[in-house]
Amino acid sequence: MALAALVFAYTGGARAAADRPVKIVVLGDSLSAGLGLPADAVFPARLAQALKAKGIPVSVANAGVSGDTASGGLGRLDWSVPDGTDAVIVELGANDALRGIDPKLTKTAFDTILNKLKERHIAVLLAGMEAPRNMGSDYVQAFDAIYPALASSHPVAFYPFFLDGVAADPKLNQGDGLHPNAAGVDVIVARMLPQVEELIARVRAARGQ
């Protein structure tokens, strides 16, 4: 009886650990912070709702800071991604491109972020960004190459362009033409959902589920 109880306790505890909600942090800028949107319409909130609708237990924390760059995200990484976090969606870089920051500096910041999260055994989904086309072909080429290079050199899930299907569509953006409206956020969530599910699968695999 004692042995049976021990086995039950072990398997029950392992099952509980595997089934507990996946804790995701979205480390980003105003695109994920939800500038100009009500709290229930921002990307992290809508993503959590979409996952729960599919029966996937998660919590999604919004660690988006308007105006943040990749270097800014690195500077606050330790307190923006608390202990106990299972996965991080990294959504940064738009402000780097808008400010014309040297792509080498941006890539170095991303490399450090991804290495730090790897050291903490936190799964990562990297959301890419594209430079505005008016920045000039040399800058655009150098900036846009950052994300595929990172995805090939780090063990991350990858979504090439966060604003895919939304950028430049006036029906899906607010008046500034830069930030998605609520309908635009829903498009982003729907398109990114397969990669987020891949991210969650990686967490569950690491748990032994």
N, C-alpha and C. Protein backbone atom coordinates (compact mmCIF):
# COMPACT_ATOMS: atom_id res chain seq x y z
N MET A 1 0.83 -1.21 0.00
CA MET A 1 0.00 0.00 0.00
C MET A 1 0.86 1.25 0.00
N ALA A 2 1.93 1.21 0.78
CA ALA A 2 2.80 2.38 0.84
C ALA A 2 3.42 2.67 -0.51
N LEU A 3 3.86 1.59 -1.20
CA LEU A 3 4.47 1.76 -2.52
C LEU A 3 3.45 2.29 -3.52
N ALA A 4 2.24 1.75 -3.48
CA ALA A 4 1.19 2.21 -4.39
C ALA A 4 0.87 3.68 -4.16
N ALA A 5 0.83 4.06 -2.89
CA ALA A 5 0.54 5.45 -2.56
C ALA A 5 1.65 6.36 -3.07
N LEU A 6 2.89 5.87 -2.96
CA LEU A 6 4.03 6.66 -3.41
C LEU A 6 3.98 6.85 -4.92
N VAL A 7 3.68 5.75 -5.65
CA VAL A 7 3.59 5.83 -7.10
C VAL A 7 2.47 6.78 -7.51
N PHE A 8 1.33 6.68 -6.84
CA PHE A 8 0.20 7.56 -7.16
C PHE A 8 0.56 9.02 -6.92
N ALA A 9 1.23 9.27 -5.79
CA ALA A 9 1.61 10.64 -5.47
C ALA A 9 2.58 11.19 -6.50
N TYR A 10 3.51 10.34 -6.94
CA TYR A 10 4.50 10.78 -7.92
C TYR A 10 3.85 11.08 -9.26
N THR A 11 3.04 10.12 -9.74
CA THR A 11 2.42 10.31 -11.05
C THR A 11 1.40 11.44 -11.02
N GLY A 12 0.69 11.54 -9.90
CA GLY A 12 -0.28 12.63 -9.78
C GLY A 12 0.40 13.98 -9.76
N GLY A 13 1.53 14.06 -9.06
CA GLY A 13 2.28 15.31 -9.01
C GLY A 13 2.86 15.67 -10.35
N ALA A 14 3.38 14.68 -11.07
CA ALA A 14 3.94 14.93 -12.39
C ALA A 14 2.86 15.39 -13.36
N ARG A 15 1.67 14.75 -13.25
CA ARG A 15 0.58 15.14 -14.13
C ARG A 15 0.12 16.57 -13.83
N ALA A 16 0.07 16.93 -12.57
CA ALA A 16 -0.34 18.29 -12.19
C ALA A 16 0.66 19.31 -12.72
N ALA A 17 1.95 18.98 -12.64
CA ALA A 17 2.97 19.90 -13.14
C ALA A 17 2.85 20.08 -14.64
N ALA A 18 2.59 18.97 -15.34
CA ALA A 18 2.48 19.04 -16.79
C ALA A 18 1.24 19.81 -17.23
N ASP A 19 0.15 19.70 -16.46
CA ASP A 19 -1.12 20.29 -16.85
C ASP A 19 -1.30 21.73 -16.37
N ARG A 20 -0.41 22.22 -15.54
CA ARG A 20 -0.62 23.57 -15.02
C ARG A 20 -0.55 24.59 -16.16
N PRO A 21 -1.23 25.71 -16.03
CA PRO A 21 -1.25 26.70 -17.10
C PRO A 21 0.16 27.15 -17.49
N VAL A 22 0.35 27.34 -18.78
CA VAL A 22 1.63 27.85 -19.28
C VAL A 22 1.67 29.36 -19.07
N LYS A 23 2.72 29.82 -18.40
CA LYS A 23 2.85 31.25 -18.10
C LYS A 23 3.69 31.91 -19.19
N ILE A 24 3.04 32.78 -19.96
CA ILE A 24 3.68 33.47 -21.08
C ILE A 24 3.80 34.96 -20.75
N VAL A 25 4.94 35.54 -21.08
CA VAL A 25 5.14 36.98 -20.97
C VAL A 25 5.36 37.52 -22.38
N VAL A 26 4.67 38.60 -22.72
CA VAL A 26 4.91 39.27 -23.99
C VAL A 26 5.81 40.47 -23.72
N LEU A 27 7.07 40.35 -24.13
CA LEU A 27 8.05 41.41 -23.94
C LEU A 27 8.06 42.26 -25.20
N GLY A 28 7.49 43.45 -25.12
CA GLY A 28 7.35 44.21 -26.34
C GLY A 28 7.28 45.71 -26.16
N ASP A 29 6.79 46.36 -27.20
CA ASP A 29 6.67 47.82 -27.22
C ASP A 29 5.18 48.18 -27.29
N SER A 30 4.87 49.32 -27.89
CA SER A 30 3.47 49.76 -27.91
C SER A 30 2.56 48.83 -28.71
N LEU A 31 3.13 48.07 -29.63
CA LEU A 31 2.31 47.17 -30.43
C LEU A 31 1.69 46.07 -29.57
N SER A 32 2.40 45.64 -28.55
CA SER A 32 1.84 44.64 -27.64
C SER A 32 1.27 45.28 -26.38
N ALA A 33 1.82 46.45 -26.00
CA ALA A 33 1.26 47.15 -24.84
C ALA A 33 -0.18 47.57 -25.11
N GLY A 34 -0.48 47.84 -26.40
CA GLY A 34 -1.85 48.17 -26.77
C GLY A 34 -2.16 49.65 -26.73
N LEU A 35 -1.21 50.45 -27.18
CA LEU A 35 -1.42 51.90 -27.20
C LEU A 35 -2.73 52.25 -27.91
N GLY A 36 -3.58 53.02 -27.23
CA GLY A 36 -4.83 53.48 -27.83
C GLY A 36 -5.97 52.48 -27.77
N LEU A 37 -5.76 51.35 -27.10
CA LEU A 37 -6.80 50.32 -27.04
C LEU A 37 -7.25 50.08 -25.61
N PRO A 38 -8.50 49.64 -25.42
CA PRO A 38 -8.93 49.22 -24.08
C PRO A 38 -8.18 47.97 -23.66
N ALA A 39 -8.12 47.74 -22.37
CA ALA A 39 -7.31 46.63 -21.84
C ALA A 39 -7.72 45.28 -22.40
N ASP A 40 -8.99 45.08 -22.67
CA ASP A 40 -9.44 43.77 -23.13
C ASP A 40 -9.22 43.56 -24.63
N ALA A 41 -8.69 44.57 -25.34
CA ALA A 41 -8.47 44.46 -26.78
C ALA A 41 -7.00 44.38 -27.15
N VAL A 42 -6.09 44.42 -26.17
CA VAL A 42 -4.66 44.42 -26.48
C VAL A 42 -4.21 43.01 -26.83
N PHE A 43 -3.08 42.91 -27.50
CA PHE A 43 -2.59 41.63 -27.99
C PHE A 43 -2.50 40.54 -26.93
N PRO A 44 -1.86 40.77 -25.78
CA PRO A 44 -1.76 39.68 -24.80
C PRO A 44 -3.13 39.18 -24.32
N ALA A 45 -4.06 40.10 -24.11
CA ALA A 45 -5.39 39.71 -23.64
C ALA A 45 -6.14 38.90 -24.70
N ARG A 46 -6.07 39.35 -25.94
CA ARG A 46 -6.77 38.64 -27.01
C ARG A 46 -6.13 37.29 -27.31
N LEU A 47 -4.81 37.22 -27.17
CA LEU A 47 -4.11 35.95 -27.36
C LEU A 47 -4.53 34.94 -26.29
N ALA A 48 -4.58 35.39 -25.04
CA ALA A 48 -5.00 34.50 -23.96
C ALA A 48 -6.42 34.01 -24.20
N GLN A 49 -7.29 34.88 -24.64
CA GLN A 49 -8.67 34.50 -24.90
C GLN A 49 -8.75 33.46 -26.02
N ALA A 50 -7.97 33.65 -27.08
CA ALA A 50 -7.99 32.72 -28.20
C ALA A 50 -7.47 31.34 -27.79
N LEU A 51 -6.44 31.31 -26.98
CA LEU A 51 -5.89 30.03 -26.53
C LEU A 51 -6.85 29.31 -25.59
N LYS A 52 -7.45 30.05 -24.69
CA LYS A 52 -8.41 29.43 -23.76
C LYS A 52 -9.63 28.92 -24.50
N ALA A 53 -10.00 29.60 -25.59
CA ALA A 53 -11.13 29.13 -26.39
C ALA A 53 -10.83 27.78 -27.04
N LYS A 54 -9.56 27.48 -27.20
CA LYS A 54 -9.14 26.19 -27.76
C LYS A 54 -8.85 25.17 -26.67
N GLY A 55 -9.16 25.54 -25.43
CA GLY A 55 -8.96 24.62 -24.32
C GLY A 55 -7.53 24.53 -23.84
N ILE A 56 -6.72 25.55 -24.15
CA ILE A 56 -5.31 25.56 -23.74
C ILE A 56 -5.18 26.48 -22.53
N PRO A 57 -4.87 25.94 -21.34
CA PRO A 57 -4.76 26.77 -20.14
C PRO A 57 -3.47 27.59 -20.14
N VAL A 58 -3.62 28.89 -20.13
CA VAL A 58 -2.46 29.79 -20.14
C VAL A 58 -2.73 31.02 -19.29
N SER A 59 -1.66 31.72 -18.94
CA SER A 59 -1.76 33.10 -18.49
C SER A 59 -0.79 33.89 -19.36
N VAL A 60 -1.22 35.04 -19.82
CA VAL A 60 -0.40 35.86 -20.72
C VAL A 60 -0.23 37.23 -20.10
N ALA A 61 0.99 37.54 -19.67
CA ALA A 61 1.28 38.83 -19.03
C ALA A 61 1.74 39.84 -20.07
N ASN A 62 1.26 41.05 -19.92
CA ASN A 62 1.61 42.13 -20.84
C ASN A 62 2.81 42.89 -20.29
N ALA A 63 3.99 42.65 -20.88
CA ALA A 63 5.20 43.39 -20.51
C ALA A 63 5.61 44.28 -21.67
N GLY A 64 4.61 44.91 -22.29
CA GLY A 64 4.88 45.86 -23.37
C GLY A 64 5.06 47.27 -22.81
N VAL A 65 6.05 47.98 -23.31
CA VAL A 65 6.31 49.36 -22.90
C VAL A 65 6.38 50.23 -24.14
N SER A 66 5.48 51.19 -24.25
CA SER A 66 5.46 52.06 -25.43
C SER A 66 6.78 52.79 -25.60
N GLY A 67 7.28 52.79 -26.82
CA GLY A 67 8.52 53.48 -27.13
C GLY A 67 9.77 52.65 -26.90
N ASP A 68 9.61 51.44 -26.40
CA ASP A 68 10.78 50.63 -26.07
C ASP A 68 11.49 50.14 -27.32
N THR A 69 12.81 50.01 -27.20
CA THR A 69 13.66 49.44 -28.23
C THR A 69 14.14 48.06 -27.78
N ALA A 70 14.89 47.40 -28.63
CA ALA A 70 15.48 46.12 -28.24
C ALA A 70 16.40 46.29 -27.04
N SER A 71 17.19 47.35 -27.05
CA SER A 71 18.09 47.62 -25.92
C SER A 71 17.30 47.93 -24.66
N GLY A 72 16.18 48.63 -24.80
CA GLY A 72 15.33 48.90 -23.65
C GLY A 72 14.74 47.62 -23.08
N GLY A 73 14.32 46.72 -23.96
CA GLY A 73 13.80 45.44 -23.50
C GLY A 73 14.86 44.64 -22.77
N LEU A 74 16.10 44.70 -23.26
CA LEU A 74 17.19 44.02 -22.58
C LEU A 74 17.42 44.61 -21.20
N GLY A 75 17.36 45.92 -21.09
CA GLY A 75 17.62 46.58 -19.82
C GLY A 75 16.63 46.22 -18.72
N ARG A 76 15.41 45.88 -19.10
CA ARG A 76 14.38 45.55 -18.10
C ARG A 76 14.02 44.07 -18.11
N LEU A 77 14.80 43.27 -18.81
CA LEU A 77 14.46 41.86 -19.00
C LEU A 77 14.23 41.13 -17.68
N ASP A 78 15.14 41.31 -16.73
CA ASP A 78 15.08 40.51 -15.50
C ASP A 78 13.81 40.76 -14.70
N TRP A 79 13.34 42.01 -14.65
CA TRP A 79 12.13 42.26 -13.87
C TRP A 79 10.86 42.17 -14.70
N SER A 80 10.98 42.28 -16.02
CA SER A 80 9.80 42.12 -16.87
C SER A 80 9.44 40.65 -17.05
N VAL A 81 10.43 39.77 -16.92
CA VAL A 81 10.20 38.33 -17.06
C VAL A 81 10.52 37.68 -15.72
N PRO A 82 9.54 37.56 -14.84
CA PRO A 82 9.80 37.06 -13.48
C PRO A 82 10.07 35.57 -13.44
N ASP A 83 10.60 35.12 -12.33
CA ASP A 83 10.80 33.69 -12.11
C ASP A 83 9.45 32.97 -12.22
N GLY A 84 9.47 31.78 -12.79
CA GLY A 84 8.25 31.03 -12.99
C GLY A 84 7.66 31.18 -14.37
N THR A 85 8.24 32.08 -15.17
CA THR A 85 7.78 32.25 -16.55
C THR A 85 8.19 31.04 -17.37
N ASP A 86 7.25 30.51 -18.14
CA ASP A 86 7.52 29.35 -19.00
C ASP A 86 7.99 29.75 -20.39
N ALA A 87 7.44 30.84 -20.90
CA ALA A 87 7.71 31.22 -22.29
C ALA A 87 7.60 32.73 -22.45
N VAL A 88 8.34 33.25 -23.42
CA VAL A 88 8.31 34.68 -23.72
C VAL A 88 8.10 34.88 -25.21
N ILE A 89 7.18 35.77 -25.54
CA ILE A 89 7.04 36.25 -26.92
C ILE A 89 7.80 37.57 -26.99
N VAL A 90 8.85 37.60 -27.78
CA VAL A 90 9.67 38.81 -27.91
C VAL A 90 9.17 39.60 -29.11
N GLU A 91 8.59 40.76 -28.85
CA GLU A 91 8.03 41.63 -29.89
C GLU A 91 8.67 43.01 -29.73
N LEU A 92 9.81 43.19 -30.34
CA LEU A 92 10.55 44.44 -30.24
C LEU A 92 11.20 44.76 -31.58
N GLY A 93 11.62 45.99 -31.73
CA GLY A 93 12.37 46.36 -32.93
C GLY A 93 11.74 47.45 -33.76
N ALA A 94 10.42 47.65 -33.63
CA ALA A 94 9.76 48.67 -34.45
C ALA A 94 10.34 50.05 -34.18
N ASN A 95 10.58 50.35 -32.91
CA ASN A 95 11.12 51.67 -32.58
C ASN A 95 12.59 51.81 -32.99
N ASP A 96 13.32 50.71 -32.99
CA ASP A 96 14.69 50.74 -33.49
C ASP A 96 14.69 51.20 -34.95
N ALA A 97 13.78 50.61 -35.74
CA ALA A 97 13.72 50.95 -37.15
C ALA A 97 13.24 52.39 -37.36
N LEU A 98 12.22 52.80 -36.62
CA LEU A 98 11.70 54.16 -36.78
C LEU A 98 12.75 55.21 -36.42
N ARG A 99 13.64 54.88 -35.50
CA ARG A 99 14.68 55.82 -35.07
C ARG A 99 15.97 55.66 -35.86
N GLY A 100 16.00 54.69 -36.76
CA GLY A 100 17.20 54.49 -37.55
C GLY A 100 18.40 54.00 -36.76
N ILE A 101 18.14 53.25 -35.69
CA ILE A 101 19.23 52.70 -34.87
C ILE A 101 20.03 51.70 -35.70
N ASP A 102 21.33 51.70 -35.52
CA ASP A 102 22.21 50.78 -36.24
C ASP A 102 21.73 49.34 -36.05
N PRO A 103 21.40 48.64 -37.14
CA PRO A 103 20.93 47.26 -37.02
C PRO A 103 21.89 46.34 -36.25
N LYS A 104 23.18 46.64 -36.29
CA LYS A 104 24.13 45.82 -35.53
C LYS A 104 23.88 45.93 -34.03
N LEU A 105 23.54 47.14 -33.57
CA LEU A 105 23.24 47.34 -32.15
C LEU A 105 21.94 46.62 -31.77
N THR A 106 20.96 46.72 -32.65
CA THR A 106 19.69 46.04 -32.40
C THR A 106 19.89 44.53 -32.32
N LYS A 107 20.63 43.98 -33.26
CA LYS A 107 20.86 42.53 -33.27
C LYS A 107 21.63 42.08 -32.02
N THR A 108 22.61 42.88 -31.60
CA THR A 108 23.37 42.53 -30.40
C THR A 108 22.45 42.48 -29.18
N ALA A 109 21.55 43.43 -29.08
CA ALA A 109 20.59 43.44 -27.96
C ALA A 109 19.71 42.20 -27.99
N PHE A 110 19.21 41.85 -29.18
CA PHE A 110 18.38 40.65 -29.31
C PHE A 110 19.17 39.39 -28.96
N ASP A 111 20.39 39.30 -29.45
CA ASP A 111 21.22 38.14 -29.14
C ASP A 111 21.34 37.95 -27.63
N THR A 112 21.56 39.06 -26.92
CA THR A 112 21.72 38.98 -25.47
C THR A 112 20.42 38.59 -24.79
N ILE A 113 19.31 39.14 -25.23
CA ILE A 113 18.00 38.76 -24.69
C ILE A 113 17.77 37.26 -24.85
N LEU A 114 17.99 36.77 -26.06
CA LEU A 114 17.71 35.36 -26.33
C LEU A 114 18.66 34.44 -25.56
N ASN A 115 19.90 34.85 -25.43
CA ASN A 115 20.86 34.04 -24.65
C ASN A 115 20.47 34.00 -23.17
N LYS A 116 20.04 35.13 -22.63
CA LYS A 116 19.64 35.18 -21.23
C LYS A 116 18.41 34.31 -20.97
N LEU A 117 17.45 34.34 -21.89
CA LEU A 117 16.26 33.52 -21.71
C LEU A 117 16.59 32.03 -21.86
N LYS A 118 17.51 31.72 -22.75
CA LYS A 118 17.94 30.33 -22.90
C LYS A 118 18.60 29.83 -21.60
N GLU A 119 19.43 30.68 -21.00
CA GLU A 119 20.09 30.31 -19.75
C GLU A 119 19.08 30.03 -18.65
N ARG A 120 17.92 30.69 -18.72
CA ARG A 120 16.87 30.51 -17.72
C ARG A 120 15.90 29.39 -18.11
N HIS A 121 16.18 28.72 -19.22
CA HIS A 121 15.34 27.61 -19.71
C HIS A 121 13.91 28.07 -20.00
N ILE A 122 13.81 29.25 -20.58
CA ILE A 122 12.52 29.82 -20.96
C ILE A 122 12.37 29.73 -22.47
N ALA A 123 11.29 29.12 -22.92
CA ALA A 123 11.03 29.00 -24.36
C ALA A 123 10.70 30.37 -24.95
N VAL A 124 11.05 30.56 -26.22
CA VAL A 124 10.90 31.87 -26.84
C VAL A 124 10.23 31.76 -28.20
N LEU A 125 9.31 32.69 -28.45
CA LEU A 125 8.78 32.94 -29.78
C LEU A 125 9.25 34.33 -30.18
N LEU A 126 10.03 34.41 -31.23
CA LEU A 126 10.54 35.68 -31.73
C LEU A 126 9.60 36.20 -32.81
N ALA A 127 9.05 37.39 -32.59
CA ALA A 127 8.18 38.03 -33.58
C ALA A 127 8.99 39.06 -34.34
N GLY A 128 9.09 38.88 -35.64
CA GLY A 128 9.92 39.77 -36.45
C GLY A 128 9.25 41.10 -36.76
N MET A 129 10.05 42.01 -37.27
CA MET A 129 9.58 43.33 -37.67
C MET A 129 10.27 43.71 -38.97
N GLU A 130 9.66 44.60 -39.72
CA GLU A 130 10.27 45.11 -40.94
C GLU A 130 10.46 46.61 -40.83
N ALA A 131 11.54 47.11 -41.41
CA ALA A 131 11.81 48.55 -41.39
C ALA A 131 10.89 49.27 -42.36
N PRO A 132 10.50 50.50 -42.03
CA PRO A 132 9.74 51.29 -43.01
C PRO A 132 10.53 51.40 -44.30
N ARG A 133 9.82 51.27 -45.42
CA ARG A 133 10.51 51.26 -46.72
C ARG A 133 11.16 52.60 -47.04
N ASN A 134 10.76 53.67 -46.36
CA ASN A 134 11.36 54.99 -46.64
C ASN A 134 12.69 55.20 -45.93
N MET A 135 13.18 54.18 -45.24
CA MET A 135 14.46 54.30 -44.55
C MET A 135 15.64 54.09 -45.50
N GLY A 136 15.36 53.72 -46.73
CA GLY A 136 16.42 53.48 -47.71
C GLY A 136 16.73 52.00 -47.83
N SER A 137 17.10 51.59 -49.02
CA SER A 137 17.26 50.16 -49.29
C SER A 137 18.35 49.51 -48.45
N ASP A 138 19.45 50.21 -48.22
CA ASP A 138 20.55 49.62 -47.44
C ASP A 138 20.10 49.35 -46.01
N TYR A 139 19.43 50.34 -45.42
CA TYR A 139 18.98 50.16 -44.04
C TYR A 139 17.92 49.07 -43.96
N VAL A 140 16.97 49.11 -44.88
CA VAL A 140 15.89 48.12 -44.88
C VAL A 140 16.45 46.71 -45.00
N GLN A 141 17.41 46.53 -45.91
CA GLN A 141 17.99 45.20 -46.09
C GLN A 141 18.71 44.73 -44.83
N ALA A 142 19.48 45.63 -44.21
CA ALA A 142 20.22 45.26 -43.01
C ALA A 142 19.29 44.97 -41.84
N PHE A 143 18.26 45.81 -41.68
CA PHE A 143 17.34 45.63 -40.55
C PHE A 143 16.50 44.37 -40.72
N ASP A 144 15.92 44.20 -41.88
CA ASP A 144 15.01 43.06 -42.09
C ASP A 144 15.73 41.73 -41.95
N ALA A 145 17.04 41.73 -42.15
CA ALA A 145 17.82 40.49 -42.05
C ALA A 145 18.07 40.07 -40.60
N ILE A 146 17.83 40.97 -39.65
CA ILE A 146 18.12 40.67 -38.23
C ILE A 146 17.37 39.43 -37.77
N TYR A 147 16.07 39.40 -38.02
CA TYR A 147 15.22 38.37 -37.41
C TYR A 147 15.45 36.97 -37.98
N PRO A 148 15.53 36.80 -39.31
CA PRO A 148 15.86 35.47 -39.81
C PRO A 148 17.22 34.97 -39.31
N ALA A 149 18.18 35.88 -39.18
CA ALA A 149 19.50 35.49 -38.67
C ALA A 149 19.40 35.01 -37.23
N LEU A 150 18.63 35.72 -36.41
CA LEU A 150 18.44 35.31 -35.02
C LEU A 150 17.74 33.95 -34.95
N ALA A 151 16.71 33.78 -35.78
CA ALA A 151 15.94 32.53 -35.75
C ALA A 151 16.79 31.33 -36.18
N SER A 152 17.81 31.58 -37.00
CA SER A 152 18.66 30.48 -37.46
C SER A 152 19.76 30.16 -36.47
N SER A 153 20.04 31.08 -35.55
CA SER A 153 21.16 30.87 -34.63
C SER A 153 20.71 30.65 -33.18
N HIS A 154 19.41 30.74 -32.92
CA HIS A 154 18.87 30.51 -31.58
C HIS A 154 17.73 29.49 -31.66
N PRO A 155 17.53 28.70 -30.62
CA PRO A 155 16.47 27.68 -30.62
C PRO A 155 15.11 28.28 -30.28
N VAL A 156 14.58 29.10 -31.19
CA VAL A 156 13.33 29.80 -30.93
C VAL A 156 12.29 29.42 -31.96
N ALA A 157 11.02 29.56 -31.57
CA ALA A 157 9.95 29.57 -32.56
C ALA A 157 9.97 30.95 -33.22
N PHE A 158 9.51 31.03 -34.47
CA PHE A 158 9.69 32.27 -35.22
C PHE A 158 8.44 32.63 -36.00
N TYR A 159 8.03 33.89 -35.84
CA TYR A 159 6.96 34.47 -36.63
C TYR A 159 7.57 35.66 -37.37
N PRO A 160 7.74 35.60 -38.68
CA PRO A 160 8.59 36.56 -39.38
C PRO A 160 8.20 38.03 -39.27
N PHE A 161 6.89 38.35 -39.24
CA PHE A 161 6.50 39.76 -39.24
C PHE A 161 5.25 39.93 -38.37
N PHE A 162 5.42 40.59 -37.24
CA PHE A 162 4.33 40.75 -36.28
C PHE A 162 3.09 41.38 -36.90
N LEU A 163 3.29 42.33 -37.82
CA LEU A 163 2.18 43.07 -38.41
C LEU A 163 1.72 42.48 -39.75
N ASP A 164 2.05 41.24 -40.00
CA ASP A 164 1.66 40.60 -41.24
C ASP A 164 0.14 40.64 -41.42
N GLY A 165 -0.29 41.12 -42.58
CA GLY A 165 -1.72 41.21 -42.87
C GLY A 165 -2.40 42.42 -42.29
N VAL A 166 -1.65 43.22 -41.53
CA VAL A 166 -2.23 44.38 -40.85
C VAL A 166 -1.56 45.69 -41.28
N ALA A 167 -0.26 45.65 -41.44
CA ALA A 167 0.49 46.86 -41.79
C ALA A 167 -0.07 47.51 -43.06
N ALA A 168 -0.24 48.82 -42.99
CA ALA A 168 -0.67 49.66 -44.12
C ALA A 168 -2.13 49.48 -44.51
N ASP A 169 -2.89 48.71 -43.75
CA ASP A 169 -4.32 48.56 -44.03
C ASP A 169 -5.09 49.51 -43.12
N PRO A 170 -5.67 50.58 -43.67
CA PRO A 170 -6.35 51.56 -42.83
C PRO A 170 -7.52 50.99 -42.04
N LYS A 171 -8.11 49.90 -42.51
CA LYS A 171 -9.24 49.30 -41.79
C LYS A 171 -8.78 48.57 -40.54
N LEU A 172 -7.50 48.25 -40.46
CA LEU A 172 -6.98 47.46 -39.34
C LEU A 172 -6.04 48.25 -38.44
N ASN A 173 -5.91 49.55 -38.70
CA ASN A 173 -5.02 50.38 -37.91
C ASN A 173 -5.73 51.61 -37.37
N GLN A 174 -5.17 52.15 -36.31
CA GLN A 174 -5.68 53.38 -35.74
C GLN A 174 -5.30 54.55 -36.66
N GLY A 175 -5.72 55.74 -36.28
CA GLY A 175 -5.53 56.91 -37.12
C GLY A 175 -4.09 57.24 -37.42
N ASP A 176 -3.16 56.81 -36.56
CA ASP A 176 -1.75 57.12 -36.81
C ASP A 176 -1.14 56.23 -37.89
N GLY A 177 -1.87 55.20 -38.31
CA GLY A 177 -1.37 54.33 -39.35
C GLY A 177 -0.27 53.38 -38.90
N LEU A 178 0.05 53.40 -37.62
CA LEU A 178 1.14 52.58 -37.08
C LEU A 178 0.67 51.49 -36.13
N HIS A 179 -0.36 51.80 -35.36
CA HIS A 179 -0.79 50.88 -34.31
C HIS A 179 -2.10 50.19 -34.68
N PRO A 180 -2.17 48.88 -34.56
CA PRO A 180 -3.38 48.15 -34.91
C PRO A 180 -4.57 48.58 -34.04
N ASN A 181 -5.74 48.60 -34.65
CA ASN A 181 -6.96 48.75 -33.87
C ASN A 181 -7.38 47.37 -33.37
N ALA A 182 -8.54 47.29 -32.74
CA ALA A 182 -8.96 46.02 -32.16
C ALA A 182 -9.10 44.93 -33.23
N ALA A 183 -9.63 45.30 -34.39
CA ALA A 183 -9.76 44.32 -35.48
C ALA A 183 -8.39 43.87 -35.96
N GLY A 184 -7.45 44.80 -36.01
CA GLY A 184 -6.09 44.46 -36.41
C GLY A 184 -5.42 43.51 -35.44
N VAL A 185 -5.64 43.73 -34.15
CA VAL A 185 -5.09 42.82 -33.14
C VAL A 185 -5.63 41.41 -33.33
N ASP A 186 -6.91 41.31 -33.64
CA ASP A 186 -7.50 39.98 -33.84
C ASP A 186 -6.88 39.27 -35.05
N VAL A 187 -6.54 40.04 -36.08
CA VAL A 187 -5.87 39.45 -37.24
C VAL A 187 -4.50 38.92 -36.85
N ILE A 188 -3.75 39.72 -36.08
CA ILE A 188 -2.42 39.30 -35.63
C ILE A 188 -2.51 38.02 -34.82
N VAL A 189 -3.45 37.99 -33.88
CA VAL A 189 -3.61 36.82 -33.03
C VAL A 189 -3.92 35.58 -33.87
N ALA A 190 -4.86 35.70 -34.79
CA ALA A 190 -5.26 34.56 -35.61
C ALA A 190 -4.09 34.04 -36.45
N ARG A 191 -3.31 34.95 -37.00
CA ARG A 191 -2.20 34.53 -37.86
C ARG A 191 -1.04 33.96 -37.06
N MET A 192 -0.84 34.46 -35.86
CA MET A 192 0.30 34.01 -35.05
C MET A 192 -0.02 32.78 -34.22
N LEU A 193 -1.27 32.42 -34.11
CA LEU A 193 -1.68 31.36 -33.20
C LEU A 193 -0.93 30.03 -33.43
N PRO A 194 -0.70 29.60 -34.66
CA PRO A 194 0.04 28.34 -34.83
C PRO A 194 1.44 28.38 -34.21
N GLN A 195 2.12 29.50 -34.34
CA GLN A 195 3.46 29.61 -33.75
C GLN A 195 3.39 29.66 -32.22
N VAL A 196 2.34 30.27 -31.68
CA VAL A 196 2.18 30.29 -30.23
C VAL A 196 1.88 28.88 -29.72
N GLU A 197 1.09 28.14 -30.45
CA GLU A 197 0.82 26.75 -30.06
C GLU A 197 2.10 25.92 -30.13
N GLU A 198 2.95 26.21 -31.10
CA GLU A 198 4.26 25.54 -31.16
C GLU A 198 5.08 25.87 -29.92
N LEU A 199 5.05 27.13 -29.52
CA LEU A 199 5.76 27.57 -28.32
C LEU A 199 5.27 26.81 -27.09
N ILE A 200 3.96 26.70 -26.95
CA ILE A 200 3.38 25.98 -25.82
C ILE A 200 3.74 24.51 -25.86
N ALA A 201 3.77 23.93 -27.05
CA ALA A 201 4.17 22.53 -27.20
C ALA A 201 5.59 22.32 -26.71
N ARG A 202 6.46 23.28 -26.95
CA ARG A 202 7.85 23.18 -26.48
C ARG A 202 7.90 23.20 -24.95
N VAL A 203 7.07 24.04 -24.36
CA VAL A 203 7.02 24.09 -22.89
C VAL A 203 6.54 22.76 -22.35
N ARG A 204 5.50 22.23 -22.92
CA ARG A 204 4.95 20.97 -22.43
C ARG A 204 5.92 19.82 -22.64
N ALA A 205 6.66 19.84 -23.76
CA ALA A 205 7.65 18.80 -24.01
C ALA A 205 8.75 18.86 -22.95
N ALA A 206 9.13 20.07 -22.57
CA ALA A 206 10.17 20.22 -21.54
C ALA A 206 9.67 19.73 -20.19
N ARG A 207 8.36 19.81 -19.96
CA ARG A 207 7.77 19.31 -18.72
C ARG A 207 7.63 17.79 -18.73
N GLY A 208 7.77 17.19 -19.91
CA GLY A 208 7.62 15.75 -20.01
C GLY A 208 6.19 15.32 -20.24
N GLN A 209 5.38 16.27 -20.70
CA GLN A 209 3.96 15.96 -20.92
C GLN A 209 3.76 15.18 -22.21
